[in-house]
Amino acid sequence: MAEEQELDLVEISPKAVPPVCKIMDYKKFLYEQKKRDKALKSKATKVVVKEIRFGPNTDEHDYAFKKKHAEKFLQEGAKLKAYVFFKGRSIIYKDQGQILLLKLAQELEELGKVEQMPKLEGKRMIMFIAPKKSK
């Protein structure tokens, strides 16, 4: 029948008893499947990571300003990478940097949860905060 119609006989589900086959244009079937996969892939959520940089001796006003930006990023659904950058000899203020990041995490607790606690990597102390799922 497939040869008469100049189409292909395609096995749809081989595990069924009896196996299910369909007469169709196989190239067109592959094209449609690729198109469907591409549409699903484009609808998948992409994770955006926003960064906020602090210094170990960040002033209260600057901290509040950056915290407001962090809140906006989390509400938009982006992950937040907050880090304290230690320049030169300011590395001796590691504890101040950690306190600053933990304070930020505590104040953003209702918007996001800490994914990675503050960790020192070279001259940076990095912390990740993921947004909470909105209902």
Protein backbone atom coordinates (compact mmCIF):
# COMPACT_ATOMS: atom_id res chain seq x y z
CA MET A 1 0.00 0.00 0.00
CA ALA A 2 2.85 2.38 0.90
CA GLU A 3 4.63 1.72 -2.41
CA GLU A 4 1.42 2.39 -4.35
CA GLN A 5 1.05 5.82 -2.67
CA GLU A 6 4.83 6.49 -3.03
CA LEU A 7 5.12 7.01 0.75
CA ASP A 8 7.02 5.27 3.57
CA LEU A 9 5.80 2.65 6.04
CA VAL A 10 6.89 3.93 9.47
CA GLU A 11 6.80 1.84 12.65
CA ILE A 12 5.25 4.07 15.32
CA SER A 13 5.27 1.82 18.39
CA PRO A 14 7.19 -1.46 18.05
CA LYS A 15 6.37 -2.71 21.59
CA ALA A 16 2.61 -2.82 20.97
CA VAL A 17 1.00 -6.14 20.03
CA PRO A 18 0.59 -6.08 17.05
CA PRO A 19 3.20 -3.35 16.23
CA VAL A 20 1.66 -0.05 15.13
CA CYS A 21 2.71 1.21 11.68
CA LYS A 22 1.66 4.24 9.67
CA ILE A 23 1.93 5.19 6.02
CA MET A 24 3.46 8.68 5.77
CA ASP A 25 6.20 10.79 4.26
CA TYR A 26 9.15 10.01 6.57
CA LYS A 27 11.18 13.14 5.69
CA LYS A 28 8.18 15.32 6.51
CA PHE A 29 7.68 13.40 9.78
CA LEU A 30 11.32 14.06 10.81
CA TYR A 31 10.98 17.74 9.89
CA GLU A 32 7.82 18.12 12.00
CA GLN A 33 9.49 16.33 14.93
CA LYS A 34 12.54 18.64 14.75
CA LYS A 35 10.26 21.66 14.62
CA ARG A 36 8.32 20.43 17.69
CA ASP A 37 11.55 19.78 19.64
CA LYS A 38 12.85 23.25 18.79
CA ALA A 39 9.61 24.87 19.98
CA LEU A 40 9.81 22.98 23.30
CA LYS A 41 13.45 23.97 23.73
CA SER A 42 12.70 27.66 23.16
CA LYS A 43 9.95 27.56 25.81
CA ALA A 44 12.34 26.10 28.41
CA THR A 45 13.31 28.58 31.10
CA LYS A 46 16.78 30.04 30.90
CA VAL A 47 18.55 30.78 34.17
CA VAL A 48 19.78 34.36 34.36
CA VAL A 49 22.49 35.17 36.91
CA LYS A 50 22.75 38.79 38.07
CA GLU A 51 25.79 39.99 40.02
CA ILE A 52 26.06 42.50 42.84
CA ARG A 53 29.48 43.58 44.06
CA PHE A 54 30.28 44.89 47.52
CA GLY A 55 33.47 46.05 49.19
CA PRO A 56 34.37 44.91 52.69
CA ASN A 57 33.63 48.39 54.08
CA THR A 58 30.47 49.15 52.07
CA ASP A 59 28.57 52.08 53.56
CA GLU A 60 24.97 51.65 54.80
CA HIS A 61 23.45 53.80 52.04
CA ASP A 62 25.33 51.93 49.28
CA TYR A 63 24.31 48.63 50.87
CA ALA A 64 20.62 49.65 50.90
CA PHE A 65 20.84 50.78 47.26
CA LYS A 66 22.36 47.48 46.15
CA LYS A 67 19.93 45.49 48.28
CA LYS A 68 17.04 47.19 46.46
CA HIS A 69 18.53 46.04 43.13
CA ALA A 70 18.96 42.51 44.53
CA GLU A 71 15.27 42.44 45.50
CA LYS A 72 14.30 43.50 41.98
CA PHE A 73 16.49 40.78 40.42
CA LEU A 74 14.98 38.06 42.62
CA GLN A 75 11.42 39.23 41.90
CA GLU A 76 12.19 38.99 38.16
CA GLY A 77 13.19 35.36 38.74
CA ALA A 78 16.95 35.74 38.19
CA LYS A 79 19.56 34.07 40.40
CA LEU A 80 21.71 36.45 42.40
CA LYS A 81 25.48 36.25 42.76
CA ALA A 82 26.49 38.59 45.55
CA TYR A 83 30.19 38.96 46.20
CA VAL A 84 32.59 41.02 48.25
CA PHE A 85 35.76 41.97 46.38
CA PHE A 86 38.84 42.45 48.54
CA LYS A 87 41.38 44.88 47.04
CA GLY A 88 45.01 44.78 48.13
CA ARG A 89 45.35 44.40 51.88
CA SER A 90 41.63 44.65 52.59
CA ILE A 91 41.66 40.82 52.64
CA ILE A 92 42.23 41.16 56.40
CA TYR A 93 38.53 42.15 56.66
CA LYS A 94 37.26 38.70 55.61
CA ASP A 95 34.93 38.55 58.60
CA GLN A 96 33.35 41.92 57.71
CA GLY A 97 32.70 40.67 54.18
CA GLN A 98 31.09 37.50 55.47
CA ILE A 99 28.90 39.45 57.91
CA LEU A 100 27.81 41.72 55.05
CA LEU A 101 26.79 38.78 52.83
CA LEU A 102 24.99 36.97 55.66
CA LYS A 103 23.10 40.18 56.50
CA LEU A 104 22.04 40.44 52.84
CA ALA A 105 20.90 36.79 52.84
CA GLN A 106 18.87 37.34 56.01
CA GLU A 107 17.16 40.45 54.63
CA LEU A 108 16.32 38.74 51.31
CA GLU A 109 15.03 35.59 53.04
CA GLU A 110 11.40 36.06 51.98
CA LEU A 111 12.35 36.59 48.30
CA GLY A 112 15.00 33.91 47.85
CA LYS A 113 16.90 31.12 49.53
CA VAL A 114 20.66 30.83 49.86
CA GLU A 115 21.99 28.32 47.38
CA GLN A 116 25.63 28.61 48.42
CA MET A 117 26.85 30.12 51.66
CA PRO A 118 29.62 32.78 51.50
CA LYS A 119 32.84 31.13 50.34
CA LEU A 120 36.21 32.77 49.75
CA GLU A 121 37.63 32.19 46.26
CA GLY A 122 40.85 34.12 45.76
CA LYS A 123 40.10 37.81 46.40
CA ARG A 124 36.34 37.32 46.26
CA MET A 125 33.85 36.03 48.81
CA ILE A 126 30.92 34.68 46.79
CA MET A 127 27.35 33.77 47.76
CA PHE A 128 24.48 32.59 45.51
CA ILE A 129 20.80 33.26 46.20
CA ALA A 130 18.07 31.55 44.15
CA PRO A 131 14.60 33.10 43.87
CA LYS A 132 11.72 31.37 45.62
CA LYS A 133 9.00 30.05 43.32
CA SER A 134 6.12 32.52 43.08
CA LYS A 135 2.64 31.09 43.49
